[in-house]
Amino acid sequence: MHRLPLLLCLVALAGSAVSGVLFFQIGNTKQVLEQRLSDASTRLAKTDADLAAANEHAGDLKARASALDTELTGTKRQLDTVRQQAATAQGRALQLERDLGQAKDVLAVYELTARALADDVGALRQELEDTRNSNTSPEAVAAYKKTITDLERQLATARDGATVGGGVGGSTAVFASRAGRATVLSVGPQNAFVVLNFGSARGAQTGQKMTVAQASGVVATVQLSDVRDKFSIAQVLPETLRGVLQKGDSAVLIR
């Protein structure tokens, strides 16, 4: 019977020892958990701060991307405008090049016309001198002088690159030998057409036909297709061509 209280005391002491050990273990575990909780809270706060900074940076990047997109759109519009201006400038340059070519062609025709008119003036002066020597009537001499004056005016006008109207055809028509005569200023490719110093100022009309002659005789018949004030373009009738047309050939109107 005396052993039972002793045994109970030993059990109580053992329980107290176990309880003390458990108490210390639980206390240590609580401190560890509290420390871990504190660390986790600190990391969470830092993560929240990093997330807020990342969101702010993302907002800045979005704003920058929007600004860049707007700038890119403006640049594209400017580029389209520059391309349109370049295309317009290129078209203008091509037009100017064509105009320059046409101006050169017209200038060449005027130069040829001026030379032909100078030749006509010289020939008329010689005819006038011959007329004076042969005691022709004063009316014919006066008509020659008027014709020379008109041709000299045409010559001056052609050298200036302008056109002048007037009754030249009426003054030259008094001479049957000069009224329907012309000189070939230039010949087109493959003898397809000729340019004559015979224009509307001297009575030329579209559709008129002229014979073109050389020293060997008539070499072709041409038909006026484009009549200007001081010159005309005449198409060569292929079936009438009997040689090679040359600059300086004479042409006579078929009446």
Protein backbone atom coordinates (compact mmCIF):
# COMPACT_ATOMS: atom_id res chain seq x y z
CA MET A 1 0.00 0.00 0.00
CA HIS A 2 2.89 2.35 0.67
CA ARG A 3 4.16 1.91 -2.87
CA LEU A 4 1.05 3.30 -4.57
CA PRO A 5 1.43 6.89 -3.32
CA LEU A 6 5.08 6.73 -4.26
CA LEU A 7 4.19 5.49 -7.71
CA LEU A 8 1.61 8.23 -8.12
CA CYS A 9 4.16 10.79 -7.05
CA LEU A 10 6.61 9.47 -9.60
CA VAL A 11 3.92 9.62 -12.32
CA ALA A 12 3.07 13.18 -11.30
CA LEU A 13 6.71 14.19 -11.38
CA ALA A 14 7.14 12.56 -14.78
CA GLY A 15 4.03 14.38 -16.08
CA SER A 16 5.34 17.66 -14.72
CA ALA A 17 8.67 17.07 -16.45
CA VAL A 18 6.95 16.19 -19.73
CA SER A 19 4.67 19.21 -19.40
CA GLY A 20 7.68 21.46 -18.82
CA VAL A 21 9.47 20.05 -21.82
CA LEU A 22 6.35 20.46 -23.97
CA PHE A 23 5.89 24.00 -22.65
CA PHE A 24 9.42 24.95 -23.66
CA GLN A 25 9.03 23.30 -27.05
CA ILE A 26 5.70 25.04 -27.67
CA GLY A 27 7.23 28.37 -26.64
CA ASN A 28 10.15 27.92 -29.00
CA THR A 29 7.82 26.89 -31.84
CA LYS A 30 5.64 29.94 -31.21
CA GLN A 31 8.65 32.23 -31.38
CA VAL A 32 9.78 30.56 -34.60
CA LEU A 33 6.30 30.90 -36.10
CA GLU A 34 6.04 34.52 -35.01
CA GLN A 35 9.43 35.21 -36.57
CA ARG A 36 8.40 33.48 -39.76
CA LEU A 37 5.13 35.41 -39.77
CA SER A 38 7.02 38.66 -39.31
CA ASP A 39 9.39 37.75 -42.16
CA ALA A 40 6.48 36.77 -44.38
CA SER A 41 4.73 40.08 -43.57
CA THR A 42 7.90 41.97 -44.42
CA ARG A 43 8.28 40.09 -47.71
CA LEU A 44 4.60 40.67 -48.51
CA ALA A 45 4.96 44.41 -47.88
CA LYS A 46 8.04 44.50 -50.10
CA THR A 47 6.23 42.50 -52.77
CA ASP A 48 3.29 44.92 -52.61
CA ALA A 49 5.69 47.83 -53.00
CA ASP A 50 7.42 46.13 -55.93
CA LEU A 51 4.04 45.38 -57.52
CA ALA A 52 2.96 49.00 -57.14
CA ALA A 53 6.25 50.16 -58.69
CA ALA A 54 5.82 47.65 -61.53
CA ASN A 55 2.26 48.86 -62.16
CA GLU A 56 3.46 52.45 -62.22
CA HIS A 57 6.25 51.54 -64.62
CA ALA A 58 3.76 49.64 -66.78
CA GLY A 59 1.56 52.76 -66.87
CA ASP A 60 4.54 54.84 -67.96
CA LEU A 61 5.36 52.29 -70.67
CA LYS A 62 1.76 52.35 -71.90
CA ALA A 63 1.78 56.14 -72.04
CA ARG A 64 5.11 56.08 -73.87
CA ALA A 65 3.78 53.45 -76.30
CA SER A 66 0.70 55.60 -76.98
CA ALA A 67 2.91 58.66 -77.60
CA LEU A 68 5.14 56.65 -79.93
CA ASP A 69 2.11 55.33 -81.81
CA THR A 70 0.80 58.89 -82.27
CA GLU A 71 4.24 60.02 -83.41
CA LEU A 72 4.47 57.08 -85.84
CA THR A 73 1.07 57.97 -87.31
CA GLY A 74 2.20 61.57 -87.82
CA THR A 75 5.45 60.40 -89.40
CA LYS A 76 3.55 58.13 -91.79
CA ARG A 77 1.34 61.04 -92.83
CA GLN A 78 4.38 63.24 -93.39
CA LEU A 79 5.98 60.46 -95.40
CA ASP A 80 2.85 60.11 -97.55
CA THR A 81 2.85 63.88 -98.10
CA VAL A 82 6.53 63.83 -99.07
CA ARG A 83 5.90 60.95 -101.48
CA GLN A 84 3.00 62.81 -103.07
CA GLN A 85 5.13 65.94 -103.39
CA ALA A 86 7.95 63.87 -104.90
CA ALA A 87 5.54 62.29 -107.39
CA THR A 88 4.16 65.74 -108.28
CA ALA A 89 7.68 67.13 -108.66
CA GLN A 90 8.65 64.18 -110.86
CA GLY A 91 5.58 64.69 -113.04
CA ARG A 92 6.34 68.40 -113.27
CA ALA A 93 9.94 67.62 -114.23
CA LEU A 94 8.76 65.26 -116.98
CA GLN A 95 6.31 67.88 -118.24
CA LEU A 96 9.05 70.52 -118.24
CA GLU A 97 11.32 68.12 -120.11
CA ARG A 98 8.62 67.56 -122.73
CA ASP A 99 7.96 71.31 -122.95
CA LEU A 100 11.69 71.91 -123.36
CA GLY A 101 11.84 69.36 -126.18
CA GLN A 102 8.87 70.98 -127.91
CA ALA A 103 10.41 74.42 -127.45
CA LYS A 104 13.65 73.18 -129.00
CA ASP A 105 11.70 71.75 -131.96
CA VAL A 106 9.82 75.02 -132.43
CA LEU A 107 13.05 76.97 -132.13
CA ALA A 108 14.66 74.75 -134.78
CA VAL A 109 11.71 75.37 -137.10
CA TYR A 110 11.93 79.11 -136.48
CA GLU A 111 15.65 79.05 -137.25
CA LEU A 112 15.00 77.17 -140.47
CA THR A 113 12.18 79.57 -141.30
CA ALA A 114 14.43 82.55 -140.63
CA ARG A 115 17.09 81.19 -142.96
CA ALA A 116 14.50 80.45 -145.65
CA LEU A 117 13.03 83.94 -145.30
CA ALA A 118 16.51 85.42 -145.58
CA ASP A 119 16.98 83.43 -148.78
CA ASP A 120 13.60 84.72 -150.05
CA VAL A 121 14.59 88.30 -149.29
CA GLY A 122 17.87 87.86 -151.17
CA ALA A 123 16.10 86.31 -154.13
CA LEU A 124 13.48 89.05 -154.20
CA ARG A 125 16.15 91.74 -154.01
CA GLN A 126 17.85 90.13 -157.00
CA GLU A 127 14.51 89.94 -158.83
CA LEU A 128 13.89 93.60 -157.97
CA GLU A 129 17.28 94.55 -159.38
CA ASP A 130 16.58 92.53 -162.51
CA THR A 131 13.15 94.18 -162.78
CA ARG A 132 14.68 97.64 -162.53
CA ASN A 133 17.22 96.79 -165.20
CA SER A 134 14.47 95.52 -167.51
CA ASN A 135 12.42 98.72 -167.16
CA THR A 136 9.43 97.03 -165.49
CA SER A 137 6.44 99.19 -164.55
CA PRO A 138 6.66 101.27 -161.33
CA GLU A 139 3.67 99.34 -159.92
CA ALA A 140 5.57 96.03 -160.12
CA VAL A 141 8.65 97.63 -158.54
CA ALA A 142 6.50 98.99 -155.70
CA ALA A 143 4.94 95.55 -155.21
CA TYR A 144 8.41 93.97 -155.02
CA LYS A 145 9.47 96.56 -152.43
CA LYS A 146 6.35 95.88 -150.34
CA THR A 147 6.98 92.13 -150.53
CA ILE A 148 10.61 92.56 -149.45
CA THR A 149 9.51 94.76 -146.55
CA ASP A 150 6.95 92.16 -145.45
CA LEU A 151 9.48 89.33 -145.68
CA GLU A 152 12.05 91.33 -143.74
CA ARG A 153 9.44 91.89 -141.04
CA GLN A 154 8.73 88.15 -140.98
CA LEU A 155 12.45 87.48 -140.76
CA ALA A 156 12.84 89.80 -137.78
CA THR A 157 9.80 88.22 -136.13
CA ALA A 158 11.12 84.68 -136.67
CA ARG A 159 14.47 85.65 -135.16
CA ASP A 160 12.64 86.99 -132.10
CA GLY A 161 10.69 83.71 -131.79
CA ALA A 162 7.26 85.36 -132.14
CA THR A 163 4.44 85.29 -134.69
CA VAL A 164 3.00 88.29 -136.46
CA GLY A 165 -0.13 88.35 -138.57
CA GLY A 166 -0.60 90.53 -141.57
CA GLY A 167 -1.38 90.63 -145.20
CA VAL A 168 1.87 89.11 -146.38
CA GLY A 169 0.03 86.62 -148.54
CA GLY A 170 -1.70 89.46 -150.35
CA SER A 171 1.54 91.27 -151.16
CA THR A 172 3.38 88.17 -152.31
CA ALA A 173 0.47 86.93 -154.38
CA VAL A 174 1.13 89.58 -156.99
CA PHE A 175 4.02 87.48 -158.25
CA ALA A 176 2.95 84.24 -159.84
CA SER A 177 6.51 82.99 -159.57
CA ARG A 178 6.66 83.39 -155.72
CA ALA A 179 3.11 83.02 -154.41
CA GLY A 180 2.94 79.22 -154.43
CA ARG A 181 6.61 78.43 -153.95
CA ALA A 182 8.28 77.14 -150.81
CA THR A 183 11.46 75.53 -149.53
CA VAL A 184 11.82 72.27 -147.61
CA LEU A 185 13.09 73.14 -144.12
CA SER A 186 13.41 69.59 -142.82
CA VAL A 187 12.53 66.02 -143.80
CA GLY A 188 10.86 63.51 -141.51
CA PRO A 189 12.03 59.93 -140.90
CA GLN A 190 11.84 57.68 -143.98
CA ASN A 191 10.61 60.62 -146.09
CA ALA A 192 7.22 60.43 -144.35
CA PHE A 193 6.70 64.19 -144.17
CA VAL A 194 8.41 67.53 -144.77
CA VAL A 195 8.34 70.94 -143.09
CA LEU A 196 7.88 73.84 -145.52
CA ASN A 197 8.33 77.60 -145.07
CA PHE A 198 4.83 78.01 -146.46
CA GLY A 199 2.24 78.99 -143.84
CA SER A 200 -1.17 80.56 -143.54
CA ALA A 201 0.45 84.02 -143.77
CA ARG A 202 1.26 83.18 -147.39
CA GLY A 203 -2.09 81.57 -148.15
CA ALA A 204 -1.37 77.96 -147.22
CA GLN A 205 -4.41 75.82 -146.42
CA THR A 206 -4.82 72.30 -145.09
CA GLY A 207 -5.33 69.82 -147.90
CA GLN A 208 -3.37 71.71 -150.55
CA LYS A 209 -0.88 69.71 -152.59
CA MET A 210 2.61 70.73 -153.68
CA THR A 211 5.23 69.15 -155.89
CA VAL A 212 8.74 68.82 -154.47
CA ALA A 213 11.54 69.11 -157.00
CA GLN A 214 15.30 68.80 -157.17
CA ALA A 215 17.73 69.49 -159.99
CA SER A 216 16.76 66.15 -161.54
CA GLY A 217 13.07 67.05 -161.55
CA VAL A 218 9.97 66.36 -159.44
CA VAL A 219 10.67 63.77 -156.74
CA ALA A 220 7.39 63.73 -154.76
CA THR A 221 3.97 65.21 -154.17
CA VAL A 222 3.05 66.32 -150.66
CA GLN A 223 -0.22 67.33 -149.03
CA LEU A 224 -0.43 69.98 -146.29
CA SER A 225 -1.74 68.40 -143.08
CA ASP A 226 -0.83 70.96 -140.39
CA VAL A 227 -0.73 74.64 -141.34
CA ARG A 228 0.78 77.23 -139.02
CA ASP A 229 1.35 80.94 -139.48
CA LYS A 230 4.88 80.75 -140.88
CA PHE A 231 5.31 77.08 -141.80
CA SER A 232 3.40 73.91 -142.64
CA ILE A 233 3.83 70.18 -142.21
CA ALA A 234 3.06 68.18 -145.34
CA GLN A 235 2.62 64.42 -145.64
CA VAL A 236 4.44 62.78 -148.53
CA LEU A 237 2.14 60.79 -150.80
CA PRO A 238 4.00 57.44 -150.94
CA GLU A 239 2.94 56.55 -154.47
CA THR A 240 4.52 59.76 -155.81
CA LEU A 241 7.92 59.41 -154.15
CA ARG A 242 10.70 59.01 -156.75
CA GLY A 243 13.81 59.72 -154.72
CA VAL A 244 15.21 60.86 -151.40
CA LEU A 245 13.88 64.19 -150.17
CA GLN A 246 16.45 66.67 -148.89
CA LYS A 247 16.50 69.91 -146.96
CA GLY A 248 16.53 72.81 -149.41
CA ASP A 249 14.35 71.12 -152.05
CA SER A 250 11.90 73.50 -153.72
CA ALA A 251 8.14 73.02 -153.56
CA VAL A 252 5.46 74.47 -155.85
CA LEU A 253 1.75 74.65 -155.12
CA ILE A 254 -0.46 72.58 -157.41
CA ARG A 255 -3.31 74.83 -158.54
